[in-house]
Amino acid sequence: MNRSAQPWPQFNGVVEFTESFVPRPEISHVLFDFDGTLSLLREGWPEVMVPMFAELLPSRPNETEGDRRQLALDDIMRLNGKQTIYQMIQLCERIKERGGQPREPLWYKREYLRRLDARIRGRIEGVRRGETQPEEFLVFGACHILNELKRRGLELYLASGTDEPFVKEEAALLGIDRYFGERIYGAVDDYKSFSKKMVIDRILKENGIAGSELLTFGDGYVEIENTRETGGLPVAVASDEAHNGSGRIDEWKRRRLLEVGAQVVIPDYRDALALLQIILE
């Protein structure tokens, strides 16, 4: 498929459209992923999960730590966007493959969250105490697109593979919970009772809309693929999380999200108004 990636005259940055893209003036509902798509509070989470997996995986003959890290990274990123517990289930499978006896997946999830908390607690407390502005941990231009979508009267939803209490707490801390109201969904202990596909199906059913009326922004393959499957318009936010506002597209995210059906790729929301004009008008 030929693709066009260029600074359009009305854009300040790079926006990429695939050949399958067509405007969707009928869109009425919008779904956002959270981590990496709106929030950067958990930026660097793979740098916590990958070493943990490599540490816990039984080694094989002639295998280096680098080999185990690459295996862990591949598994982790393949499941990015799903609930964290699925990555832990995959870890258990790998441990068993190597002759080990894994603990329950929930134990590994709790251990990961303990390690992640040590990395991000200072960020959260800094925002809470007013020492850091929330905008520092919002993907560049996030409030611009949220404001414009609300101005247009579209209904906004938030769905994350992160545990729901954390998503709600962090969305409130960053001041964006007001855009979503009660329409914030996250992972639960009974992991089979939640998925982003379930959220999408619920949006369509409860509102009596067709899939073509749904617009999704995400940086994980799950929400992009699920939206494509239902006939919605998936926009890949290939954010450069470590350098917020750089305007650079993360090439790994871009390739992965195009493979599963993204029709538009953006680095952030600097061109929110122009992009929404093209999509919605």
C-alpha atoms as a PDB file:
ATOM      1  CA  MET A   1       0.000   0.000   0.000  1.00  0.00           C
ATOM      2  CA  ASN A   2       1.353   3.403  -0.894  1.00  0.00           C
ATOM      3  CA  ARG A   3       1.352   5.848   1.938  1.00  0.00           C
ATOM      4  CA  SER A   4       1.835   9.565   2.110  1.00  0.00           C
ATOM      5  CA  ALA A   5       3.782  11.134   4.981  1.00  0.00           C
ATOM      6  CA  GLN A   6       4.519  14.807   4.571  1.00  0.00           C
ATOM      7  CA  PRO A   7       4.052  18.206   6.210  1.00  0.00           C
ATOM      8  CA  TRP A   8       0.669  19.162   4.752  1.00  0.00           C
ATOM      9  CA  PRO A   9       0.183  22.902   4.127  1.00  0.00           C
ATOM     10  CA  GLN A  10      -2.259  23.188   7.037  1.00  0.00           C
ATOM     11  CA  PHE A  11      -0.136  21.068   9.372  1.00  0.00           C
ATOM     12  CA  ASN A  12       2.777  22.177  11.528  1.00  0.00           C
ATOM     13  CA  GLY A  13       4.135  18.646  11.829  1.00  0.00           C
ATOM     14  CA  VAL A  14       4.041  15.303  10.062  1.00  0.00           C
ATOM     15  CA  VAL A  15       0.716  13.522   9.653  1.00  0.00           C
ATOM     16  CA  GLU A  16       0.505  10.254   7.729  1.00  0.00           C
ATOM     17  CA  PHE A  17      -2.609   8.936   5.969  1.00  0.00           C
ATOM     18  CA  THR A  18      -2.980   5.504   4.396  1.00  0.00           C
ATOM     19  CA  GLU A  19      -4.758   4.933   1.109  1.00  0.00           C
ATOM     20  CA  SER A  20      -7.731   3.474   2.966  1.00  0.00           C
ATOM     21  CA  PHE A  21      -8.402   6.734   4.807  1.00  0.00           C
ATOM     22  CA  VAL A  22     -11.601   8.597   4.006  1.00  0.00           C
ATOM     23  CA  PRO A  23     -13.172  11.443   6.012  1.00  0.00           C
ATOM     24  CA  ARG A  24     -15.845  10.428   8.512  1.00  0.00           C
ATOM     25  CA  PRO A  25     -18.266  13.316   9.090  1.00  0.00           C
ATOM     26  CA  GLU A  26     -20.657  10.808  10.694  1.00  0.00           C
ATOM     27  CA  ILE A  27     -18.352  10.196  13.684  1.00  0.00           C
ATOM     28  CA  SER A  28     -20.143  10.813  16.980  1.00  0.00           C
ATOM     29  CA  HIS A  29     -18.086   8.941  19.595  1.00  0.00           C
ATOM     30  CA  VAL A  30     -14.368   8.986  20.330  1.00  0.00           C
ATOM     31  CA  LEU A  31     -12.305   6.465  22.300  1.00  0.00           C
ATOM     32  CA  PHE A  32      -8.886   7.252  23.768  1.00  0.00           C
ATOM     33  CA  ASP A  33      -6.280   4.932  25.175  1.00  0.00           C
ATOM     34  CA  PHE A  34      -4.544   6.397  28.235  1.00  0.00           C
ATOM     35  CA  ASP A  35      -0.850   5.602  28.762  1.00  0.00           C
ATOM     36  CA  GLY A  36       1.256   6.886  25.886  1.00  0.00           C
ATOM     37  CA  THR A  37      -1.806   8.294  24.131  1.00  0.00           C
ATOM     38  CA  LEU A  38      -2.764  10.946  26.691  1.00  0.00           C
ATOM     39  CA  SER A  39      -0.731  10.352  29.850  1.00  0.00           C
ATOM     40  CA  LEU A  40       3.043  10.131  30.218  1.00  0.00           C
ATOM     41  CA  LEU A  41       3.054   9.500  33.959  1.00  0.00           C
ATOM     42  CA  ARG A  42       4.036   5.887  33.254  1.00  0.00           C
ATOM     43  CA  GLU A  43       6.556   6.733  30.537  1.00  0.00           C
ATOM     44  CA  GLY A  44       9.371   4.193  30.620  1.00  0.00           C
ATOM     45  CA  TRP A  45       7.278   1.315  31.930  1.00  0.00           C
ATOM     46  CA  PRO A  46       8.975  -1.180  29.556  1.00  0.00           C
ATOM     47  CA  GLU A  47      12.256  -0.293  31.273  1.00  0.00           C
ATOM     48  CA  VAL A  48      10.707  -1.756  34.423  1.00  0.00           C
ATOM     49  CA  MET A  49       8.903  -4.746  32.936  1.00  0.00           C
ATOM     50  CA  VAL A  50      11.615  -5.982  30.552  1.00  0.00           C
ATOM     51  CA  PRO A  51      14.408  -6.309  33.182  1.00  0.00           C
ATOM     52  CA  MET A  52      11.965  -7.963  35.563  1.00  0.00           C
ATOM     53  CA  PHE A  53      11.017 -10.563  32.945  1.00  0.00           C
ATOM     54  CA  ALA A  54      14.663 -11.168  31.991  1.00  0.00           C
ATOM     55  CA  GLU A  55      15.540 -11.608  35.654  1.00  0.00           C
ATOM     56  CA  LEU A  56      12.762 -14.153  36.263  1.00  0.00           C
ATOM     57  CA  LEU A  57      13.149 -16.210  33.079  1.00  0.00           C
ATOM     58  CA  PRO A  58      15.227 -19.373  33.586  1.00  0.00           C
ATOM     59  CA  SER A  59      18.267 -19.120  31.343  1.00  0.00           C
ATOM     60  CA  ARG A  60      19.060 -21.526  28.516  1.00  0.00           C
ATOM     61  CA  PRO A  61      22.512 -22.768  27.460  1.00  0.00           C
ATOM     62  CA  ASN A  62      24.514 -20.140  25.569  1.00  0.00           C
ATOM     63  CA  GLU A  63      21.747 -17.573  26.089  1.00  0.00           C
ATOM     64  CA  THR A  64      22.792 -14.088  27.123  1.00  0.00           C
ATOM     65  CA  GLU A  65      20.861 -11.636  29.247  1.00  0.00           C
ATOM     66  CA  GLY A  66      20.461  -9.602  26.069  1.00  0.00           C
ATOM     67  CA  ASP A  67      18.745 -12.578  24.439  1.00  0.00           C
ATOM     68  CA  ARG A  68      16.322 -12.874  27.358  1.00  0.00           C
ATOM     69  CA  ARG A  69      15.634  -9.151  27.277  1.00  0.00           C
ATOM     70  CA  GLN A  70      14.829  -9.254  23.566  1.00  0.00           C
ATOM     71  CA  LEU A  71      12.475 -12.186  24.069  1.00  0.00           C
ATOM     72  CA  ALA A  72      10.802 -10.338  26.942  1.00  0.00           C
ATOM     73  CA  LEU A  73      10.491  -7.131  24.927  1.00  0.00           C
ATOM     74  CA  ASP A  74       8.907  -8.947  21.987  1.00  0.00           C
ATOM     75  CA  ASP A  75       6.357 -10.644  24.243  1.00  0.00           C
ATOM     76  CA  ILE A  76       5.578  -7.493  26.185  1.00  0.00           C
ATOM     77  CA  MET A  77       5.101  -5.193  23.217  1.00  0.00           C
ATOM     78  CA  ARG A  78       3.035  -7.754  21.321  1.00  0.00           C
ATOM     79  CA  LEU A  79       0.555  -7.569  24.194  1.00  0.00           C
ATOM     80  CA  ASN A  80       0.797  -3.804  24.678  1.00  0.00           C
ATOM     81  CA  GLY A  81      -2.671  -2.311  25.050  1.00  0.00           C
ATOM     82  CA  LYS A  82      -4.135  -5.387  26.699  1.00  0.00           C
ATOM     83  CA  GLN A  83      -4.488  -5.636  30.459  1.00  0.00           C
ATOM     84  CA  THR A  84      -1.155  -5.984  32.267  1.00  0.00           C
ATOM     85  CA  ILE A  85      -2.169  -9.425  33.528  1.00  0.00           C
ATOM     86  CA  TYR A  86      -1.877 -10.836  29.992  1.00  0.00           C
ATOM     87  CA  GLN A  87       1.812  -9.945  29.917  1.00  0.00           C
ATOM     88  CA  MET A  88       2.199 -11.745  33.237  1.00  0.00           C
ATOM     89  CA  ILE A  89       0.366 -14.797  31.889  1.00  0.00           C
ATOM     90  CA  GLN A  90       2.819 -14.796  28.977  1.00  0.00           C
ATOM     91  CA  LEU A  91       5.725 -14.618  31.445  1.00  0.00           C
ATOM     92  CA  CYS A  92       4.336 -17.688  33.240  1.00  0.00           C
ATOM     93  CA  GLU A  93       4.155 -19.554  29.935  1.00  0.00           C
ATOM     94  CA  ARG A  94       7.769 -18.702  29.148  1.00  0.00           C
ATOM     95  CA  ILE A  95       8.921 -19.848  32.594  1.00  0.00           C
ATOM     96  CA  LYS A  96       7.108 -23.178  32.113  1.00  0.00           C
ATOM     97  CA  GLU A  97       8.605 -23.573  28.611  1.00  0.00           C
ATOM     98  CA  ARG A  98      12.039 -23.340  30.227  1.00  0.00           C
ATOM     99  CA  GLY A  99      11.334 -25.937  32.872  1.00  0.00           C
ATOM    100  CA  GLY A 100      10.532 -23.532  35.685  1.00  0.00           C
ATOM    101  CA  GLN A 101       7.601 -23.449  38.089  1.00  0.00           C
ATOM    102  CA  PRO A 102       5.951 -20.031  37.857  1.00  0.00           C
ATOM    103  CA  ARG A 103       3.921 -18.338  40.553  1.00  0.00           C
ATOM    104  CA  GLU A 104       0.409 -17.134  39.829  1.00  0.00           C
ATOM    105  CA  PRO A 105       0.229 -14.335  37.205  1.00  0.00           C
ATOM    106  CA  LEU A 106      -1.294 -11.972  39.778  1.00  0.00           C
ATOM    107  CA  TRP A 107       1.853 -12.270  41.922  1.00  0.00           C
ATOM    108  CA  TYR A 108       3.994 -11.124  39.015  1.00  0.00           C
ATOM    109  CA  LYS A 109       1.585  -8.282  38.259  1.00  0.00           C
ATOM    110  CA  ARG A 110       1.815  -7.032  41.839  1.00  0.00           C
ATOM    111  CA  GLU A 111       5.594  -7.259  41.783  1.00  0.00           C
ATOM    112  CA  TYR A 112       5.708  -5.304  38.526  1.00  0.00           C
ATOM    113  CA  LEU A 113       3.408  -2.618  39.927  1.00  0.00           C
ATOM    114  CA  ARG A 114       5.606  -2.379  43.028  1.00  0.00           C
ATOM    115  CA  ARG A 115       8.658  -1.754  40.859  1.00  0.00           C
ATOM    116  CA  LEU A 116       6.807   0.641  38.577  1.00  0.00           C
ATOM    117  CA  ASP A 117       5.527   2.617  41.554  1.00  0.00           C
ATOM    118  CA  ALA A 118       9.119   3.190  42.659  1.00  0.00           C
ATOM    119  CA  ARG A 119       9.809   4.732  39.235  1.00  0.00           C
ATOM    120  CA  ILE A 120       6.760   6.971  38.898  1.00  0.00           C
ATOM    121  CA  ARG A 121       5.844   7.870  42.479  1.00  0.00           C
ATOM    122  CA  GLY A 122       7.972  11.026  42.371  1.00  0.00           C
ATOM    123  CA  ARG A 123       6.170  12.198  39.215  1.00  0.00           C
ATOM    124  CA  ILE A 124       2.755  11.685  40.758  1.00  0.00           C
ATOM    125  CA  GLU A 125       3.690  13.377  44.013  1.00  0.00           C
ATOM    126  CA  GLY A 126       5.296  16.264  42.130  1.00  0.00           C
ATOM    127  CA  VAL A 127       2.044  16.969  40.269  1.00  0.00           C
ATOM    128  CA  ARG A 128      -0.022  16.466  43.416  1.00  0.00           C
ATOM    129  CA  ARG A 129       2.086  18.971  45.376  1.00  0.00           C
ATOM    130  CA  GLY A 130       2.010  21.490  42.536  1.00  0.00           C
ATOM    131  CA  GLU A 131       5.750  21.261  41.934  1.00  0.00           C
ATOM    132  CA  THR A 132       5.167  19.985  38.377  1.00  0.00           C
ATOM    133  CA  GLN A 133       2.516  21.159  35.962  1.00  0.00           C
ATOM    134  CA  PRO A 134       0.171  18.431  34.696  1.00  0.00           C
ATOM    135  CA  GLU A 135       0.944  19.448  31.097  1.00  0.00           C
ATOM    136  CA  GLU A 136       4.429  18.013  31.542  1.00  0.00           C
ATOM    137  CA  PHE A 137       2.894  14.545  31.701  1.00  0.00           C
ATOM    138  CA  LEU A 138       0.283  14.976  28.981  1.00  0.00           C
ATOM    139  CA  VAL A 139       1.124  14.100  25.392  1.00  0.00           C
ATOM    140  CA  PHE A 140       1.777  17.402  23.631  1.00  0.00           C
ATOM    141  CA  GLY A 141      -1.461  19.129  22.610  1.00  0.00           C
ATOM    142  CA  ALA A 142      -3.730  16.619  24.398  1.00  0.00           C
ATOM    143  CA  CYS A 143      -5.966  19.275  25.936  1.00  0.00           C
ATOM    144  CA  HIS A 144      -6.351  20.984  22.550  1.00  0.00           C
ATOM    145  CA  ILE A 145      -7.862  17.931  20.930  1.00  0.00           C
ATOM    146  CA  LEU A 146     -10.014  17.089  23.952  1.00  0.00           C
ATOM    147  CA  ASN A 147     -11.373  20.643  24.047  1.00  0.00           C
ATOM    148  CA  GLU A 148     -12.111  20.637  20.326  1.00  0.00           C
ATOM    149  CA  LEU A 149     -13.869  17.276  20.432  1.00  0.00           C
ATOM    150  CA  LYS A 150     -16.045  18.437  23.322  1.00  0.00           C
ATOM    151  CA  ARG A 151     -16.764  21.712  21.512  1.00  0.00           C
ATOM    152  CA  ARG A 152     -18.011  19.690  18.579  1.00  0.00           C
ATOM    153  CA  GLY A 153     -20.352  17.782  20.882  1.00  0.00           C
ATOM    154  CA  LEU A 154     -18.731  14.375  20.508  1.00  0.00           C
ATOM    155  CA  GLU A 155     -18.958  11.823  23.331  1.00  0.00           C
ATOM    156  CA  LEU A 156     -15.537  10.877  24.739  1.00  0.00           C
ATOM    157  CA  TYR A 157     -14.476   7.563  26.303  1.00  0.00           C
ATOM    158  CA  LEU A 158     -11.248   6.454  27.969  1.00  0.00           C
ATOM    159  CA  ALA A 159     -10.131   2.801  28.095  1.00  0.00           C
ATOM    160  CA  SER A 160      -6.851   1.474  29.447  1.00  0.00           C
ATOM    161  CA  GLY A 161      -5.119  -1.810  30.173  1.00  0.00           C
ATOM    162  CA  THR A 162      -3.924  -0.221  33.427  1.00  0.00           C
ATOM    163  CA  ASP A 163      -5.999  -0.995  36.526  1.00  0.00           C
ATOM    164  CA  GLU A 164      -9.104   1.180  36.630  1.00  0.00           C
ATOM    165  CA  PRO A 165      -8.449   2.824  40.040  1.00  0.00           C
ATOM    166  CA  PHE A 166      -5.043   4.002  38.804  1.00  0.00           C
ATOM    167  CA  VAL A 167      -6.459   5.274  35.516  1.00  0.00           C
ATOM    168  CA  LYS A 168      -9.146   7.297  37.291  1.00  0.00           C
ATOM    169  CA  GLU A 169      -6.687   8.655  39.849  1.00  0.00           C
ATOM    170  CA  GLU A 170      -4.128   9.669  37.235  1.00  0.00           C
ATOM    171  CA  ALA A 171      -6.703  11.141  34.844  1.00  0.00           C
ATOM    172  CA  ALA A 172      -8.002  13.300  37.706  1.00  0.00           C
ATOM    173  CA  LEU A 173      -4.459  14.293  38.683  1.00  0.00           C
ATOM    174  CA  LEU A 174      -3.787  15.445  35.119  1.00  0.00           C
ATOM    175  CA  GLY A 175      -7.103  17.296  34.968  1.00  0.00           C
ATOM    176  CA  ILE A 176      -8.558  15.374  32.042  1.00  0.00           C
ATOM    177  CA  ASP A 177     -11.164  13.252  33.843  1.00  0.00           C
ATOM    178  CA  ARG A 178     -13.682  16.072  33.263  1.00  0.00           C
ATOM    179  CA  TYR A 179     -13.727  15.280  29.560  1.00  0.00           C
ATOM    180  CA  PHE A 180     -14.870  11.714  30.150  1.00  0.00           C
ATOM    181  CA  GLY A 181     -17.078  11.793  33.227  1.00  0.00           C
ATOM    182  CA  GLU A 182     -18.095   8.249  34.137  1.00  0.00           C
ATOM    183  CA  ARG A 183     -16.843   6.903  30.802  1.00  0.00           C
ATOM    184  CA  ILE A 184     -13.421   5.844  32.106  1.00  0.00           C
ATOM    185  CA  TYR A 185     -12.658   2.124  31.966  1.00  0.00           C
ATOM    186  CA  GLY A 186      -9.628   0.138  33.074  1.00  0.00           C
ATOM    187  CA  ALA A 187      -8.427  -3.306  34.003  1.00  0.00           C
ATOM    188  CA  VAL A 188     -10.097  -5.238  36.819  1.00  0.00           C
ATOM    189  CA  ASP A 189      -9.019  -8.274  38.869  1.00  0.00           C
ATOM    190  CA  ASP A 190     -11.502 -10.443  36.981  1.00  0.00           C
ATOM    191  CA  TYR A 191      -9.550  -9.795  33.810  1.00  0.00           C
ATOM    192  CA  LYS A 192     -11.905 -11.784  31.586  1.00  0.00           C
ATOM    193  CA  SER A 193     -14.689  -9.301  32.322  1.00  0.00           C
ATOM    194  CA  PHE A 194     -12.849  -6.362  30.726  1.00  0.00           C
ATOM    195  CA  SER A 195     -11.213  -5.682  27.391  1.00  0.00           C
ATOM    196  CA  LYS A 196     -11.034  -2.753  25.016  1.00  0.00           C
ATOM    197  CA  LYS A 197     -13.113  -4.760  22.567  1.00  0.00           C
ATOM    198  CA  MET A 198     -15.816  -5.014  25.237  1.00  0.00           C
ATOM    199  CA  VAL A 199     -15.684  -1.242  25.724  1.00  0.00           C
ATOM    200  CA  ILE A 200     -16.017  -0.677  21.969  1.00  0.00           C
ATOM    201  CA  ASP A 201     -18.925  -3.115  21.729  1.00  0.00           C
ATOM    202  CA  ARG A 202     -20.583  -1.351  24.660  1.00  0.00           C
ATOM    203  CA  ILE A 203     -20.189   2.070  23.041  1.00  0.00           C
ATOM    204  CA  LEU A 204     -21.818   0.847  19.852  1.00  0.00           C
ATOM    205  CA  LYS A 205     -24.623  -1.047  21.559  1.00  0.00           C
ATOM    206  CA  GLU A 206     -25.573   1.498  24.234  1.00  0.00           C
ATOM    207  CA  ASN A 207     -25.602   4.358  21.761  1.00  0.00           C
ATOM    208  CA  GLY A 208     -27.126   2.471  18.860  1.00  0.00           C
ATOM    209  CA  ILE A 209     -24.379   3.511  16.466  1.00  0.00           C
ATOM    210  CA  ALA A 210     -22.500   1.782  13.669  1.00  0.00           C
ATOM    211  CA  GLY A 211     -18.781   1.106  13.893  1.00  0.00           C
ATOM    212  CA  SER A 212     -18.161   3.751  11.242  1.00  0.00           C
ATOM    213  CA  GLU A 213     -19.236   6.385  13.776  1.00  0.00           C
ATOM    214  CA  LEU A 214     -16.330   5.595  16.133  1.00  0.00           C
ATOM    215  CA  LEU A 215     -12.964   7.368  16.121  1.00  0.00           C
ATOM    216  CA  THR A 216     -10.136   5.925  18.225  1.00  0.00           C
ATOM    217  CA  PHE A 217      -6.770   7.360  19.269  1.00  0.00           C
ATOM    218  CA  GLY A 218      -4.223   4.891  20.630  1.00  0.00           C
ATOM    219  CA  ASP A 219      -0.605   3.803  20.763  1.00  0.00           C
ATOM    220  CA  GLY A 220      -1.252   0.110  21.393  1.00  0.00           C
ATOM    221  CA  TYR A 221      -2.128  -2.481  18.790  1.00  0.00           C
ATOM    222  CA  VAL A 222      -5.255  -3.663  20.655  1.00  0.00           C
ATOM    223  CA  GLU A 223      -7.393  -0.530  20.359  1.00  0.00           C
ATOM    224  CA  ILE A 224      -6.212   0.055  16.784  1.00  0.00           C
ATOM    225  CA  GLU A 225      -7.018  -3.490  15.687  1.00  0.00           C
ATOM    226  CA  ASN A 226     -10.351  -3.643  17.540  1.00  0.00           C
ATOM    227  CA  THR A 227     -11.455  -0.340  16.010  1.00  0.00           C
ATOM    228  CA  ARG A 228     -10.504  -1.454  12.511  1.00  0.00           C
ATOM    229  CA  GLU A 229     -12.404  -4.712  12.954  1.00  0.00           C
ATOM    230  CA  THR A 230     -15.590  -2.860  13.894  1.00  0.00           C
ATOM    231  CA  GLY A 231     -15.351  -0.453  10.965  1.00  0.00           C
ATOM    232  CA  GLY A 232     -14.217   2.556  12.972  1.00  0.00           C
ATOM    233  CA  LEU A 233     -11.401   4.980  12.193  1.00  0.00           C
ATOM    234  CA  PRO A 234      -8.186   4.166  14.105  1.00  0.00           C
ATOM    235  CA  VAL A 235      -5.607   6.921  14.576  1.00  0.00           C
ATOM    236  CA  ALA A 236      -2.175   5.796  15.757  1.00  0.00           C
ATOM    237  CA  VAL A 237      -0.526   8.142  18.233  1.00  0.00           C
ATOM    238  CA  ALA A 238       3.086   7.106  17.660  1.00  0.00           C
ATOM    239  CA  SER A 239       4.267   9.321  20.479  1.00  0.00           C
ATOM    240  CA  ASP A 240       7.918   9.909  21.325  1.00  0.00           C
ATOM    241  CA  GLU A 241       7.248   9.435  25.016  1.00  0.00           C
ATOM    242  CA  ALA A 242      10.780  10.105  26.251  1.00  0.00           C
ATOM    243  CA  HIS A 243      10.912  13.464  24.416  1.00  0.00           C
ATOM    244  CA  ASN A 244       7.417  14.895  24.727  1.00  0.00           C
ATOM    245  CA  GLY A 245       6.767  17.655  22.216  1.00  0.00           C
ATOM    246  CA  SER A 246       9.633  16.678  19.914  1.00  0.00           C
ATOM    247  CA  GLY A 247       7.184  16.151  17.059  1.00  0.00           C
ATOM    248  CA  ARG A 248       9.021  12.977  16.089  1.00  0.00           C
ATOM    249  CA  ILE A 249       7.137   9.791  15.299  1.00  0.00           C
ATOM    250  CA  ASP A 250       8.225   6.668  17.150  1.00  0.00           C
ATOM    251  CA  GLU A 251       9.067   4.428  14.206  1.00  0.00           C
ATOM    252  CA  TRP A 252       8.506   1.149  16.063  1.00  0.00           C
ATOM    253  CA  LYS A 253       5.007   2.214  17.087  1.00  0.00           C
ATOM    254  CA  ARG A 254       4.304   3.514  13.589  1.00  0.00           C
ATOM    255  CA  ARG A 255       5.215   0.246  11.876  1.00  0.00           C
ATOM    256  CA  ARG A 256       3.376  -1.907  14.386  1.00  0.00           C
ATOM    257  CA  LEU A 257       0.194   0.168  14.333  1.00  0.00           C
ATOM    258  CA  LEU A 258       0.077   0.451  10.548  1.00  0.00           C
ATOM    259  CA  GLU A 259       0.347  -3.344  10.388  1.00  0.00           C
ATOM    260  CA  VAL A 260      -2.822  -3.764  12.452  1.00  0.00           C
ATOM    261  CA  GLY A 261      -4.899  -1.200  10.596  1.00  0.00           C
ATOM    262  CA  ALA A 262      -4.153   2.379  11.609  1.00  0.00           C
ATOM    263  CA  GLN A 263      -5.378   4.776   8.916  1.00  0.00           C
ATOM    264  CA  VAL A 264      -3.706   7.893  10.285  1.00  0.00           C
ATOM    265  CA  VAL A 265      -0.425   8.267  12.181  1.00  0.00           C
ATOM    266  CA  ILE A 266       0.479  11.295  14.293  1.00  0.00           C
ATOM    267  CA  PRO A 267       3.330  12.004  16.751  1.00  0.00           C
ATOM    268  CA  ASP A 268       1.144  14.064  19.110  1.00  0.00           C
ATOM    269  CA  TYR A 269      -1.742  16.537  18.936  1.00  0.00           C
ATOM    270  CA  ARG A 270       0.011  19.669  17.680  1.00  0.00           C
ATOM    271  CA  ASP A 271      -2.184  19.569  14.559  1.00  0.00           C
ATOM    272  CA  ALA A 272      -5.394  18.635  16.333  1.00  0.00           C
ATOM    273  CA  LEU A 273      -7.617  21.289  14.756  1.00  0.00           C
ATOM    274  CA  ALA A 274      -6.469  20.705  11.180  1.00  0.00           C
ATOM    275  CA  LEU A 275      -6.627  16.934  11.629  1.00  0.00           C
ATOM    276  CA  LEU A 276     -10.182  17.000  12.961  1.00  0.00           C
ATOM    277  CA  GLN A 277     -11.240  19.252  10.095  1.00  0.00           C
ATOM    278  CA  ILE A 278     -10.025  16.644   7.617  1.00  0.00           C
ATOM    279  CA  ILE A 279     -11.515  13.704   9.516  1.00  0.00           C
ATOM    280  CA  LEU A 280     -14.880  15.204  10.476  1.00  0.00           C
ATOM    281  CA  GLU A 281     -15.770  17.721   7.780  1.00  0.00           C
END
